[in-house]
Amino acid sequence: MNAPNGHAPAQTQHINGVPRIAPVFALLSGQQLGTEVVQEIVRELEVPFDPSVIEWRVTNTAQNKSRGQVIPYADQRAYTDRLNALFTPAGWTRKYAVHTSANFERSKDKKVVAKILVTCELTIAGLGSHSATGEEWADDENAGTSAEAQAFKRACSCFGLGRYLYYFAGIWVDLDQGKYPKTAPALPAWATPAGWRQGLRPPQKSGSAEVVPTRHVGNGCDRRPTPTRSAEDMEVLRKIEALAEPLGKKMFRGFLKALARVWDPKQINDPALLRKVLAHLEAAQRGLARLDAALDKIGPEPLGPILDSLNIRSVDQVDNLESLRKIVLAMEEKSGPGVCRG
């Protein structure tokens, strides 16, 4: 009987480039894992997926839509196959919790929509637990499935599984009429199981940032080096970009311009500044949630005079926490008790 994906039986099988390893038996028998065993398991988790399970997602397109920027990813089946190969289905568990957020105006269509938030807690016997959150707009018919997969894969990355994918900054390729890549880009050797096991790793600069030698802009090509980031910085950048729609394009870009003098968070190369921007944007999101609560209670009428007093035409023009704080506090004062001030 063949194993998953048509590989050899369990005693010799390889799943996505990783063989089943001996420590699984220690895990299932309840033995205490030593440091060397844990390190071996982590090394196996960090090995890239087999190229056959890698897919490519278009994240940006040129104006004429003939070219697009793509990044590699693997669906959650590749992650579960890896976990099953290393630990068997009995060696790991996952638990989900589903929540909904407050309503936010989505920048692309100005529609007020809630978000589905899914938290996944992943537990691997002998290694512990990690949790992460995924999100999707509630009016997407696949919102729950998408947020669940996102949360699961992010929790896996905390153990090192799939973490190498954060090192990709995007590759420009030709697109077909359906806006799909005409051909899949070739993976660098370090992003394959064989190359990784040979000791290859993403190119480093100044100890942390990978350099992609060529960057395409529109239909042309910018020859300047393009720094990417450590896995931690990539996660911070991802969180920043995820706030663009909840905050609205104008407020999001206003904060970026005021804090970092950029229009695109990818232009922020200082890790400390990147984290500062994230902290301010998250605080702004909380402020908007409080403002929404006040508006739900007393309506929009008092908002106009408050904005006029601050010489601000609309909330989406706010580009700093101090102005937003004044607006929120003034609205909460007028709304009286009963509005959450968390």
C-alpha atoms as a PDB file:
ATOM      1  CA  MET A   1       0.000   0.000   0.000  1.00  0.00           C
ATOM      2  CA  ASN A   2       1.403   3.347  -0.979  1.00  0.00           C
ATOM      3  CA  ALA A   3       1.872   6.184   1.489  1.00  0.00           C
ATOM      4  CA  PRO A   4       0.405   9.693   0.911  1.00  0.00           C
ATOM      5  CA  ASN A   5       1.390  11.378  -2.371  1.00  0.00           C
ATOM      6  CA  GLY A   6       2.423   8.024  -3.822  1.00  0.00           C
ATOM      7  CA  HIS A   7       5.639   7.762  -1.832  1.00  0.00           C
ATOM      8  CA  ALA A   8       7.088   4.578  -0.424  1.00  0.00           C
ATOM      9  CA  PRO A   9       5.670   2.853   2.675  1.00  0.00           C
ATOM     10  CA  ALA A  10       6.153   4.382   6.117  1.00  0.00           C
ATOM     11  CA  GLN A  11       9.465   2.803   7.036  1.00  0.00           C
ATOM     12  CA  THR A  12      11.249   4.593   4.180  1.00  0.00           C
ATOM     13  CA  GLN A  13       8.771   7.262   3.140  1.00  0.00           C
ATOM     14  CA  HIS A  14       9.625  10.850   2.437  1.00  0.00           C
ATOM     15  CA  ILE A  15       6.874  13.458   2.763  1.00  0.00           C
ATOM     16  CA  ASN A  16       7.649  16.763   1.067  1.00  0.00           C
ATOM     17  CA  GLY A  17      11.347  16.071   1.262  1.00  0.00           C
ATOM     18  CA  VAL A  18      11.465  14.848   4.864  1.00  0.00           C
ATOM     19  CA  PRO A  19      11.886  11.199   5.956  1.00  0.00           C
ATOM     20  CA  ARG A  20      10.051   9.786   8.951  1.00  0.00           C
ATOM     21  CA  ILE A  21      12.560   9.983  11.797  1.00  0.00           C
ATOM     22  CA  ALA A  22      13.171   7.871  14.890  1.00  0.00           C
ATOM     23  CA  PRO A  23      12.238  10.483  17.570  1.00  0.00           C
ATOM     24  CA  VAL A  24       8.552   9.958  16.785  1.00  0.00           C
ATOM     25  CA  PHE A  25       8.631   6.716  18.743  1.00  0.00           C
ATOM     26  CA  ALA A  26      10.001   8.521  21.790  1.00  0.00           C
ATOM     27  CA  LEU A  27       7.224  11.064  21.413  1.00  0.00           C
ATOM     28  CA  LEU A  28       4.477   8.477  21.283  1.00  0.00           C
ATOM     29  CA  SER A  29       5.874   6.441  24.156  1.00  0.00           C
ATOM     30  CA  GLY A  30       5.912   9.469  26.435  1.00  0.00           C
ATOM     31  CA  GLN A  31       9.669   9.558  26.910  1.00  0.00           C
ATOM     32  CA  GLN A  32      11.376  12.794  27.845  1.00  0.00           C
ATOM     33  CA  LEU A  33      13.014  14.280  24.782  1.00  0.00           C
ATOM     34  CA  GLY A  34      16.627  15.302  25.096  1.00  0.00           C
ATOM     35  CA  THR A  35      18.082  18.482  23.647  1.00  0.00           C
ATOM     36  CA  GLU A  36      19.669  16.681  20.699  1.00  0.00           C
ATOM     37  CA  VAL A  37      16.403  14.975  19.787  1.00  0.00           C
ATOM     38  CA  VAL A  38      14.494  18.271  19.930  1.00  0.00           C
ATOM     39  CA  GLN A  39      17.120  19.938  17.755  1.00  0.00           C
ATOM     40  CA  GLU A  40      16.880  17.103  15.234  1.00  0.00           C
ATOM     41  CA  ILE A  41      13.107  17.447  15.072  1.00  0.00           C
ATOM     42  CA  VAL A  42      13.333  21.223  14.617  1.00  0.00           C
ATOM     43  CA  ARG A  43      15.880  20.771  11.816  1.00  0.00           C
ATOM     44  CA  GLU A  44      13.479  18.436  10.026  1.00  0.00           C
ATOM     45  CA  LEU A  45      10.596  20.871  10.471  1.00  0.00           C
ATOM     46  CA  GLU A  46      12.669  23.657   8.913  1.00  0.00           C
ATOM     47  CA  VAL A  47      13.449  21.731   5.712  1.00  0.00           C
ATOM     48  CA  PRO A  48      11.660  23.310   2.703  1.00  0.00           C
ATOM     49  CA  PHE A  49       8.699  21.572   1.101  1.00  0.00           C
ATOM     50  CA  ASP A  50       9.228  19.514  -2.014  1.00  0.00           C
ATOM     51  CA  PRO A  51       8.924  21.783  -5.099  1.00  0.00           C
ATOM     52  CA  SER A  52       6.056  19.626  -6.384  1.00  0.00           C
ATOM     53  CA  VAL A  53       3.724  20.972  -3.669  1.00  0.00           C
ATOM     54  CA  ILE A  54       4.701  24.632  -4.064  1.00  0.00           C
ATOM     55  CA  GLU A  55       2.190  26.973  -5.687  1.00  0.00           C
ATOM     56  CA  TRP A  56       2.511  30.629  -6.669  1.00  0.00           C
ATOM     57  CA  ARG A  57       0.235  33.508  -5.667  1.00  0.00           C
ATOM     58  CA  VAL A  58       0.056  36.792  -7.597  1.00  0.00           C
ATOM     59  CA  THR A  59       0.411  39.695  -5.154  1.00  0.00           C
ATOM     60  CA  ASN A  60       0.897  42.618  -7.522  1.00  0.00           C
ATOM     61  CA  THR A  61       0.426  43.303 -11.235  1.00  0.00           C
ATOM     62  CA  ALA A  62       1.789  45.745 -13.774  1.00  0.00           C
ATOM     63  CA  GLN A  63      -0.576  48.360 -15.210  1.00  0.00           C
ATOM     64  CA  ASN A  64      -1.241  46.362 -18.379  1.00  0.00           C
ATOM     65  CA  LYS A  65      -1.788  43.164 -16.334  1.00  0.00           C
ATOM     66  CA  SER A  66       0.653  41.226 -18.518  1.00  0.00           C
ATOM     67  CA  ARG A  67       3.174  40.787 -15.706  1.00  0.00           C
ATOM     68  CA  GLY A  68       2.735  40.070 -12.047  1.00  0.00           C
ATOM     69  CA  GLN A  69       4.734  39.659  -8.881  1.00  0.00           C
ATOM     70  CA  VAL A  70       4.377  36.208  -7.345  1.00  0.00           C
ATOM     71  CA  ILE A  71       5.384  34.559  -4.089  1.00  0.00           C
ATOM     72  CA  PRO A  72       5.515  30.836  -3.337  1.00  0.00           C
ATOM     73  CA  TYR A  73       3.232  29.117  -0.847  1.00  0.00           C
ATOM     74  CA  ALA A  74       2.034  25.648   0.115  1.00  0.00           C
ATOM     75  CA  ASP A  75      -1.517  24.747   1.070  1.00  0.00           C
ATOM     76  CA  GLN A  76      -2.249  23.355   4.513  1.00  0.00           C
ATOM     77  CA  ARG A  77      -2.229  19.765   3.248  1.00  0.00           C
ATOM     78  CA  ALA A  78       1.534  20.049   2.739  1.00  0.00           C
ATOM     79  CA  TYR A  79       1.863  21.189   6.360  1.00  0.00           C
ATOM     80  CA  THR A  80      -0.267  18.342   7.712  1.00  0.00           C
ATOM     81  CA  ASP A  81       1.638  15.822   5.560  1.00  0.00           C
ATOM     82  CA  ARG A  82       4.903  17.048   7.068  1.00  0.00           C
ATOM     83  CA  LEU A  83       3.566  16.843  10.620  1.00  0.00           C
ATOM     84  CA  ASN A  84       2.158  13.356  10.007  1.00  0.00           C
ATOM     85  CA  ALA A  85       5.446  12.207   8.481  1.00  0.00           C
ATOM     86  CA  LEU A  86       7.458  13.389  11.467  1.00  0.00           C
ATOM     87  CA  PHE A  87       5.094  12.654  14.355  1.00  0.00           C
ATOM     88  CA  THR A  88       2.237  10.481  12.971  1.00  0.00           C
ATOM     89  CA  PRO A  89      -1.334  11.828  13.356  1.00  0.00           C
ATOM     90  CA  ALA A  90      -1.227  10.854  17.047  1.00  0.00           C
ATOM     91  CA  GLY A  91       1.758  13.092  17.770  1.00  0.00           C
ATOM     92  CA  TRP A  92       0.184  16.481  17.179  1.00  0.00           C
ATOM     93  CA  THR A  93      -3.138  18.271  17.567  1.00  0.00           C
ATOM     94  CA  ARG A  94      -4.680  21.597  16.613  1.00  0.00           C
ATOM     95  CA  LYS A  95      -7.551  23.549  18.140  1.00  0.00           C
ATOM     96  CA  TYR A  96      -9.460  26.448  16.588  1.00  0.00           C
ATOM     97  CA  ALA A  97     -11.404  29.365  18.053  1.00  0.00           C
ATOM     98  CA  VAL A  98     -13.531  31.605  15.825  1.00  0.00           C
ATOM     99  CA  HIS A  99     -14.345  35.270  16.509  1.00  0.00           C
ATOM    100  CA  THR A 100     -15.695  38.240  14.586  1.00  0.00           C
ATOM    101  CA  SER A 101     -14.271  41.755  14.658  1.00  0.00           C
ATOM    102  CA  ALA A 102     -16.033  45.099  14.662  1.00  0.00           C
ATOM    103  CA  ASN A 103     -17.156  46.446  11.288  1.00  0.00           C
ATOM    104  CA  PHE A 104     -14.569  48.325   9.238  1.00  0.00           C
ATOM    105  CA  GLU A 105     -14.768  50.191   5.957  1.00  0.00           C
ATOM    106  CA  ARG A 106     -12.963  48.178   3.313  1.00  0.00           C
ATOM    107  CA  SER A 107     -10.818  50.532   1.273  1.00  0.00           C
ATOM    108  CA  LYS A 108     -11.248  48.856  -2.116  1.00  0.00           C
ATOM    109  CA  ASP A 109     -15.043  49.228  -2.255  1.00  0.00           C
ATOM    110  CA  LYS A 110     -15.895  51.436   0.769  1.00  0.00           C
ATOM    111  CA  LYS A 111     -18.154  48.669   2.065  1.00  0.00           C
ATOM    112  CA  VAL A 112     -18.515  48.283   5.836  1.00  0.00           C
ATOM    113  CA  VAL A 113     -17.748  44.662   6.667  1.00  0.00           C
ATOM    114  CA  ALA A 114     -16.765  42.631   9.715  1.00  0.00           C
ATOM    115  CA  LYS A 115     -13.833  40.237   9.723  1.00  0.00           C
ATOM    116  CA  ILE A 116     -13.723  36.574  10.655  1.00  0.00           C
ATOM    117  CA  LEU A 117     -10.818  35.920  13.025  1.00  0.00           C
ATOM    118  CA  VAL A 118      -9.640  32.349  13.611  1.00  0.00           C
ATOM    119  CA  THR A 119      -7.056  31.391  16.227  1.00  0.00           C
ATOM    120  CA  CYS A 120      -5.258  28.078  15.835  1.00  0.00           C
ATOM    121  CA  GLU A 121      -3.415  26.463  18.735  1.00  0.00           C
ATOM    122  CA  LEU A 122      -0.994  23.845  17.452  1.00  0.00           C
ATOM    123  CA  THR A 123       0.449  21.332  19.937  1.00  0.00           C
ATOM    124  CA  ILE A 124       3.270  18.923  19.118  1.00  0.00           C
ATOM    125  CA  ALA A 125       3.975  16.255  21.708  1.00  0.00           C
ATOM    126  CA  GLY A 126       7.287  16.904  23.388  1.00  0.00           C
ATOM    127  CA  LEU A 127       7.741  20.343  21.798  1.00  0.00           C
ATOM    128  CA  GLY A 128       4.844  22.334  23.257  1.00  0.00           C
ATOM    129  CA  SER A 129       2.191  24.632  21.770  1.00  0.00           C
ATOM    130  CA  HIS A 130       2.047  27.761  19.653  1.00  0.00           C
ATOM    131  CA  SER A 131      -0.977  29.760  18.528  1.00  0.00           C
ATOM    132  CA  ALA A 132      -1.554  32.228  15.698  1.00  0.00           C
ATOM    133  CA  THR A 133      -4.473  34.088  14.150  1.00  0.00           C
ATOM    134  CA  GLY A 134      -5.812  34.261  10.590  1.00  0.00           C
ATOM    135  CA  GLU A 135      -8.361  36.738   9.262  1.00  0.00           C
ATOM    136  CA  GLU A 136     -10.652  37.262   6.283  1.00  0.00           C
ATOM    137  CA  TRP A 137     -13.525  39.580   5.362  1.00  0.00           C
ATOM    138  CA  ALA A 138     -16.813  38.097   6.561  1.00  0.00           C
ATOM    139  CA  ASP A 139     -18.615  38.571   3.231  1.00  0.00           C
ATOM    140  CA  ASP A 140     -16.207  36.148   1.526  1.00  0.00           C
ATOM    141  CA  GLU A 141     -18.018  32.827   1.183  1.00  0.00           C
ATOM    142  CA  ASN A 142     -14.761  31.031   2.023  1.00  0.00           C
ATOM    143  CA  ALA A 143     -13.836  33.356   4.885  1.00  0.00           C
ATOM    144  CA  GLY A 144     -13.796  30.663   7.571  1.00  0.00           C
ATOM    145  CA  THR A 145     -11.732  28.234   5.514  1.00  0.00           C
ATOM    146  CA  SER A 146      -9.221  30.899   4.466  1.00  0.00           C
ATOM    147  CA  ALA A 147      -8.777  32.297   7.974  1.00  0.00           C
ATOM    148  CA  GLU A 148      -8.431  28.772   9.399  1.00  0.00           C
ATOM    149  CA  ALA A 149      -5.710  27.805   6.915  1.00  0.00           C
ATOM    150  CA  GLN A 150      -3.886  31.082   7.506  1.00  0.00           C
ATOM    151  CA  ALA A 151      -3.947  30.624  11.282  1.00  0.00           C
ATOM    152  CA  PHE A 152      -2.770  27.009  11.053  1.00  0.00           C
ATOM    153  CA  LYS A 153       0.157  27.803   8.765  1.00  0.00           C
ATOM    154  CA  ARG A 154       1.227  30.736  10.932  1.00  0.00           C
ATOM    155  CA  ALA A 155       1.173  28.485  14.010  1.00  0.00           C
ATOM    156  CA  CYS A 156       3.299  25.952  12.119  1.00  0.00           C
ATOM    157  CA  SER A 157       5.842  28.651  11.282  1.00  0.00           C
ATOM    158  CA  CYS A 158       6.378  29.208  15.017  1.00  0.00           C
ATOM    159  CA  PHE A 159       7.892  25.704  15.079  1.00  0.00           C
ATOM    160  CA  GLY A 160       9.923  26.450  11.940  1.00  0.00           C
ATOM    161  CA  LEU A 161       7.657  24.623   9.478  1.00  0.00           C
ATOM    162  CA  GLY A 162       7.235  26.715   6.324  1.00  0.00           C
ATOM    163  CA  ARG A 163       9.171  29.573   7.848  1.00  0.00           C
ATOM    164  CA  TYR A 164      11.617  29.703   4.943  1.00  0.00           C
ATOM    165  CA  LEU A 165       8.803  31.011   2.716  1.00  0.00           C
ATOM    166  CA  TYR A 166       8.973  34.356   4.542  1.00  0.00           C
ATOM    167  CA  TYR A 167      12.324  35.026   2.870  1.00  0.00           C
ATOM    168  CA  PHE A 168      10.767  35.520  -0.565  1.00  0.00           C
ATOM    169  CA  ALA A 169      10.165  39.138  -1.565  1.00  0.00           C
ATOM    170  CA  GLY A 170       8.365  38.400  -4.836  1.00  0.00           C
ATOM    171  CA  ILE A 171       9.353  37.461  -8.388  1.00  0.00           C
ATOM    172  CA  TRP A 172       8.026  39.157 -11.530  1.00  0.00           C
ATOM    173  CA  VAL A 173       6.712  36.791 -14.222  1.00  0.00           C
ATOM    174  CA  ASP A 174       4.526  36.887 -17.345  1.00  0.00           C
ATOM    175  CA  LEU A 175       0.800  36.307 -16.701  1.00  0.00           C
ATOM    176  CA  ASP A 176      -1.795  34.643 -18.913  1.00  0.00           C
ATOM    177  CA  GLN A 177      -5.266  36.053 -19.616  1.00  0.00           C
ATOM    178  CA  GLY A 178      -6.557  34.567 -16.367  1.00  0.00           C
ATOM    179  CA  LYS A 179      -3.850  36.485 -14.460  1.00  0.00           C
ATOM    180  CA  TYR A 180      -2.014  33.282 -13.582  1.00  0.00           C
ATOM    181  CA  PRO A 181       1.743  32.762 -14.128  1.00  0.00           C
ATOM    182  CA  LYS A 182       2.439  31.338 -17.577  1.00  0.00           C
ATOM    183  CA  THR A 183       5.280  29.317 -16.093  1.00  0.00           C
ATOM    184  CA  ALA A 184       6.240  28.636 -12.499  1.00  0.00           C
ATOM    185  CA  PRO A 185       9.473  30.372 -11.470  1.00  0.00           C
ATOM    186  CA  ALA A 186      12.429  28.196 -10.607  1.00  0.00           C
ATOM    187  CA  LEU A 187      13.050  27.917  -6.891  1.00  0.00           C
ATOM    188  CA  PRO A 188      16.534  28.819  -5.644  1.00  0.00           C
ATOM    189  CA  ALA A 189      18.535  25.815  -4.482  1.00  0.00           C
ATOM    190  CA  TRP A 190      18.283  26.832  -0.815  1.00  0.00           C
ATOM    191  CA  ALA A 191      14.479  26.578  -1.042  1.00  0.00           C
ATOM    192  CA  THR A 192      14.561  22.870  -1.963  1.00  0.00           C
ATOM    193  CA  PRO A 193      14.995  19.935   0.437  1.00  0.00           C
ATOM    194  CA  ALA A 194      18.216  18.810  -1.262  1.00  0.00           C
ATOM    195  CA  GLY A 195      19.798  22.243  -1.240  1.00  0.00           C
ATOM    196  CA  TRP A 196      18.768  22.928   2.347  1.00  0.00           C
ATOM    197  CA  ARG A 197      20.234  19.592   3.525  1.00  0.00           C
ATOM    198  CA  GLN A 198      23.480  20.508   1.782  1.00  0.00           C
ATOM    199  CA  GLY A 199      23.680  23.585   4.006  1.00  0.00           C
ATOM    200  CA  LEU A 200      22.414  26.207   1.537  1.00  0.00           C
ATOM    201  CA  ARG A 201      20.508  29.118   3.082  1.00  0.00           C
ATOM    202  CA  PRO A 202      19.000  32.410   1.845  1.00  0.00           C
ATOM    203  CA  PRO A 203      21.681  34.975   0.897  1.00  0.00           C
ATOM    204  CA  GLN A 204      22.397  37.217   3.851  1.00  0.00           C
ATOM    205  CA  LYS A 205      23.418  40.843   4.125  1.00  0.00           C
ATOM    206  CA  SER A 206      24.404  42.470   7.404  1.00  0.00           C
ATOM    207  CA  GLY A 207      23.513  39.245   9.158  1.00  0.00           C
ATOM    208  CA  SER A 208      19.776  39.256   8.463  1.00  0.00           C
ATOM    209  CA  ALA A 209      18.507  40.623   5.156  1.00  0.00           C
ATOM    210  CA  GLU A 210      18.366  38.630   1.970  1.00  0.00           C
ATOM    211  CA  VAL A 211      19.187  40.482  -1.230  1.00  0.00           C
ATOM    212  CA  VAL A 212      17.286  39.820  -4.435  1.00  0.00           C
ATOM    213  CA  PRO A 213      19.549  41.137  -7.195  1.00  0.00           C
ATOM    214  CA  THR A 214      16.836  42.461  -9.528  1.00  0.00           C
ATOM    215  CA  ARG A 215      13.583  44.288  -8.882  1.00  0.00           C
ATOM    216  CA  HIS A 216      10.976  44.821 -11.577  1.00  0.00           C
ATOM    217  CA  VAL A 217       8.818  47.940 -11.582  1.00  0.00           C
ATOM    218  CA  GLY A 218       5.802  47.916 -13.898  1.00  0.00           C
ATOM    219  CA  ASN A 219       7.054  46.576 -17.222  1.00  0.00           C
ATOM    220  CA  GLY A 220      10.598  47.744 -16.593  1.00  0.00           C
ATOM    221  CA  CYS A 221      13.285  46.581 -14.220  1.00  0.00           C
ATOM    222  CA  ASP A 222      15.024  48.416 -11.409  1.00  0.00           C
ATOM    223  CA  ARG A 223      18.562  47.074 -11.050  1.00  0.00           C
ATOM    224  CA  ARG A 224      19.074  48.259  -7.483  1.00  0.00           C
ATOM    225  CA  PRO A 225      19.392  45.550  -4.826  1.00  0.00           C
ATOM    226  CA  THR A 226      16.113  44.882  -3.043  1.00  0.00           C
ATOM    227  CA  PRO A 227      16.546  43.922   0.631  1.00  0.00           C
ATOM    228  CA  THR A 228      14.068  41.519   2.143  1.00  0.00           C
ATOM    229  CA  ARG A 229      13.854  40.704   5.820  1.00  0.00           C
ATOM    230  CA  SER A 230      14.295  38.189   8.539  1.00  0.00           C
ATOM    231  CA  ALA A 231      11.326  35.918   9.177  1.00  0.00           C
ATOM    232  CA  GLU A 232      10.366  38.029  12.204  1.00  0.00           C
ATOM    233  CA  ASP A 233      10.485  41.269  10.205  1.00  0.00           C
ATOM    234  CA  MET A 234       8.462  39.684   7.411  1.00  0.00           C
ATOM    235  CA  GLU A 235       5.764  38.796   9.932  1.00  0.00           C
ATOM    236  CA  VAL A 236       5.714  42.401  11.219  1.00  0.00           C
ATOM    237  CA  LEU A 237       5.442  43.652   7.632  1.00  0.00           C
ATOM    238  CA  ARG A 238       2.605  41.222   6.943  1.00  0.00           C
ATOM    239  CA  LYS A 239       0.706  42.511   9.980  1.00  0.00           C
ATOM    240  CA  ILE A 240       1.213  46.112   8.845  1.00  0.00           C
ATOM    241  CA  GLU A 241      -0.073  45.378   5.340  1.00  0.00           C
ATOM    242  CA  ALA A 242      -3.086  43.543   6.788  1.00  0.00           C
ATOM    243  CA  LEU A 243      -4.166  46.782   8.495  1.00  0.00           C
ATOM    244  CA  ALA A 244      -4.480  48.709   5.228  1.00  0.00           C
ATOM    245  CA  GLU A 245      -8.082  47.692   4.642  1.00  0.00           C
ATOM    246  CA  PRO A 246      -9.370  47.945   8.247  1.00  0.00           C
ATOM    247  CA  LEU A 247      -7.928  51.460   8.597  1.00  0.00           C
ATOM    248  CA  GLY A 248      -8.779  52.627   5.085  1.00  0.00           C
ATOM    249  CA  LYS A 249      -6.260  53.653   2.451  1.00  0.00           C
ATOM    250  CA  LYS A 250      -6.061  57.335   3.408  1.00  0.00           C
ATOM    251  CA  MET A 251      -5.471  56.812   7.129  1.00  0.00           C
ATOM    252  CA  PHE A 252      -3.087  53.901   6.509  1.00  0.00           C
ATOM    253  CA  ARG A 253      -0.936  55.911   4.117  1.00  0.00           C
ATOM    254  CA  GLY A 254      -1.201  58.997   6.317  1.00  0.00           C
ATOM    255  CA  PHE A 255       0.320  57.149   9.254  1.00  0.00           C
ATOM    256  CA  LEU A 256       3.060  55.699   7.028  1.00  0.00           C
ATOM    257  CA  LYS A 257       3.943  59.157   5.714  1.00  0.00           C
ATOM    258  CA  ALA A 258       3.908  60.786   9.143  1.00  0.00           C
ATOM    259  CA  LEU A 259       5.885  58.056  10.920  1.00  0.00           C
ATOM    260  CA  ALA A 260       8.277  56.766   8.261  1.00  0.00           C
ATOM    261  CA  ARG A 261       8.040  59.190   5.314  1.00  0.00           C
ATOM    262  CA  VAL A 262       7.030  56.371   2.948  1.00  0.00           C
ATOM    263  CA  TRP A 263       3.871  55.379   1.080  1.00  0.00           C
ATOM    264  CA  ASP A 264       4.592  51.644   1.087  1.00  0.00           C
ATOM    265  CA  PRO A 265       5.619  49.732   4.250  1.00  0.00           C
ATOM    266  CA  LYS A 266       8.004  47.613   2.141  1.00  0.00           C
ATOM    267  CA  GLN A 267      10.158  50.749   1.866  1.00  0.00           C
ATOM    268  CA  ILE A 268      10.841  50.668   5.625  1.00  0.00           C
ATOM    269  CA  ASN A 269      14.197  48.944   6.119  1.00  0.00           C
ATOM    270  CA  ASP A 270      14.759  49.756   9.800  1.00  0.00           C
ATOM    271  CA  PRO A 271      13.329  46.867  11.931  1.00  0.00           C
ATOM    272  CA  ALA A 272      12.784  49.185  14.918  1.00  0.00           C
ATOM    273  CA  LEU A 273      10.832  51.667  12.794  1.00  0.00           C
ATOM    274  CA  LEU A 274       8.839  48.820  11.278  1.00  0.00           C
ATOM    275  CA  ARG A 275       7.719  47.742  14.753  1.00  0.00           C
ATOM    276  CA  LYS A 276       6.939  51.321  15.750  1.00  0.00           C
ATOM    277  CA  VAL A 277       4.684  51.696  12.718  1.00  0.00           C
ATOM    278  CA  LEU A 278       2.894  48.448  13.562  1.00  0.00           C
ATOM    279  CA  ALA A 279       2.310  49.570  17.154  1.00  0.00           C
ATOM    280  CA  HIS A 280       0.819  52.886  15.999  1.00  0.00           C
ATOM    281  CA  LEU A 281      -1.404  51.250  13.382  1.00  0.00           C
ATOM    282  CA  GLU A 282      -2.695  48.671  15.853  1.00  0.00           C
ATOM    283  CA  ALA A 283      -3.446  51.465  18.322  1.00  0.00           C
ATOM    284  CA  ALA A 284      -5.269  53.328  15.542  1.00  0.00           C
ATOM    285  CA  GLN A 285      -7.352  50.221  14.828  1.00  0.00           C
ATOM    286  CA  ARG A 286      -8.345  50.020  18.488  1.00  0.00           C
ATOM    287  CA  GLY A 287      -9.193  53.734  18.450  1.00  0.00           C
ATOM    288  CA  LEU A 288     -11.431  53.295  15.426  1.00  0.00           C
ATOM    289  CA  ALA A 289     -13.217  50.418  17.146  1.00  0.00           C
ATOM    290  CA  ARG A 290     -13.954  52.709  20.103  1.00  0.00           C
ATOM    291  CA  LEU A 291     -15.102  55.438  17.732  1.00  0.00           C
ATOM    292  CA  ASP A 292     -17.428  52.973  15.984  1.00  0.00           C
ATOM    293  CA  ALA A 293     -18.931  52.042  19.355  1.00  0.00           C
ATOM    294  CA  ALA A 294     -19.629  55.700  20.132  1.00  0.00           C
ATOM    295  CA  LEU A 295     -21.093  56.322  16.686  1.00  0.00           C
ATOM    296  CA  ASP A 296     -23.383  53.312  17.071  1.00  0.00           C
ATOM    297  CA  LYS A 297     -24.666  54.769  20.324  1.00  0.00           C
ATOM    298  CA  ILE A 298     -25.194  58.449  19.512  1.00  0.00           C
ATOM    299  CA  GLY A 299     -24.974  58.685  15.725  1.00  0.00           C
ATOM    300  CA  PRO A 300     -22.630  60.788  13.536  1.00  0.00           C
ATOM    301  CA  GLU A 301     -24.049  64.258  14.295  1.00  0.00           C
ATOM    302  CA  PRO A 302     -21.569  65.245  17.057  1.00  0.00           C
ATOM    303  CA  LEU A 303     -18.592  64.114  14.984  1.00  0.00           C
ATOM    304  CA  GLY A 304     -18.611  67.042  12.554  1.00  0.00           C
ATOM    305  CA  PRO A 305     -18.090  69.795  15.171  1.00  0.00           C
ATOM    306  CA  ILE A 306     -15.364  67.733  16.848  1.00  0.00           C
ATOM    307  CA  LEU A 307     -13.483  67.366  13.570  1.00  0.00           C
ATOM    308  CA  ASP A 308     -13.946  71.078  12.821  1.00  0.00           C
ATOM    309  CA  SER A 309     -12.424  71.970  16.193  1.00  0.00           C
ATOM    310  CA  LEU A 310      -9.316  70.017  15.229  1.00  0.00           C
ATOM    311  CA  ASN A 311      -9.265  71.425  11.670  1.00  0.00           C
ATOM    312  CA  ILE A 312      -9.780  67.927  10.243  1.00  0.00           C
ATOM    313  CA  ARG A 313     -12.233  67.376   7.394  1.00  0.00           C
ATOM    314  CA  SER A 314     -12.798  63.634   7.915  1.00  0.00           C
ATOM    315  CA  VAL A 315     -11.631  60.808  10.153  1.00  0.00           C
ATOM    316  CA  ASP A 316      -9.734  59.089   7.347  1.00  0.00           C
ATOM    317  CA  GLN A 317      -7.417  62.116   7.154  1.00  0.00           C
ATOM    318  CA  VAL A 318      -6.125  61.505  10.686  1.00  0.00           C
ATOM    319  CA  ASP A 319      -2.435  60.576  10.542  1.00  0.00           C
ATOM    320  CA  ASN A 320      -1.436  60.465  14.209  1.00  0.00           C
ATOM    321  CA  LEU A 321      -2.609  58.867  17.445  1.00  0.00           C
ATOM    322  CA  GLU A 322      -2.944  62.139  19.345  1.00  0.00           C
ATOM    323  CA  SER A 323      -5.583  63.526  16.980  1.00  0.00           C
ATOM    324  CA  LEU A 324      -7.419  60.223  16.927  1.00  0.00           C
ATOM    325  CA  ARG A 325      -7.333  60.087  20.728  1.00  0.00           C
ATOM    326  CA  LYS A 326      -8.902  63.558  20.964  1.00  0.00           C
ATOM    327  CA  ILE A 327     -11.682  62.576  18.561  1.00  0.00           C
ATOM    328  CA  VAL A 328     -12.420  59.318  20.366  1.00  0.00           C
ATOM    329  CA  LEU A 329     -12.418  60.881  23.845  1.00  0.00           C
ATOM    330  CA  ALA A 330     -14.672  63.732  22.715  1.00  0.00           C
ATOM    331  CA  MET A 331     -17.161  61.300  21.174  1.00  0.00           C
ATOM    332  CA  GLU A 332     -17.087  59.025  24.223  1.00  0.00           C
ATOM    333  CA  GLU A 333     -17.680  62.011  26.488  1.00  0.00           C
ATOM    334  CA  LYS A 334     -20.792  62.917  24.500  1.00  0.00           C
ATOM    335  CA  SER A 335     -21.998  59.321  24.391  1.00  0.00           C
ATOM    336  CA  GLY A 336     -21.966  58.967  28.162  1.00  0.00           C
ATOM    337  CA  PRO A 337     -21.488  55.659  30.040  1.00  0.00           C
ATOM    338  CA  GLY A 338     -21.775  52.324  28.367  1.00  0.00           C
ATOM    339  CA  VAL A 339     -19.114  52.665  25.633  1.00  0.00           C
ATOM    340  CA  CYS A 340     -16.165  50.310  25.918  1.00  0.00           C
ATOM    341  CA  ARG A 341     -12.948  52.233  26.592  1.00  0.00           C
ATOM    342  CA  GLY A 342     -10.550  49.307  26.405  1.00  0.00           C
END
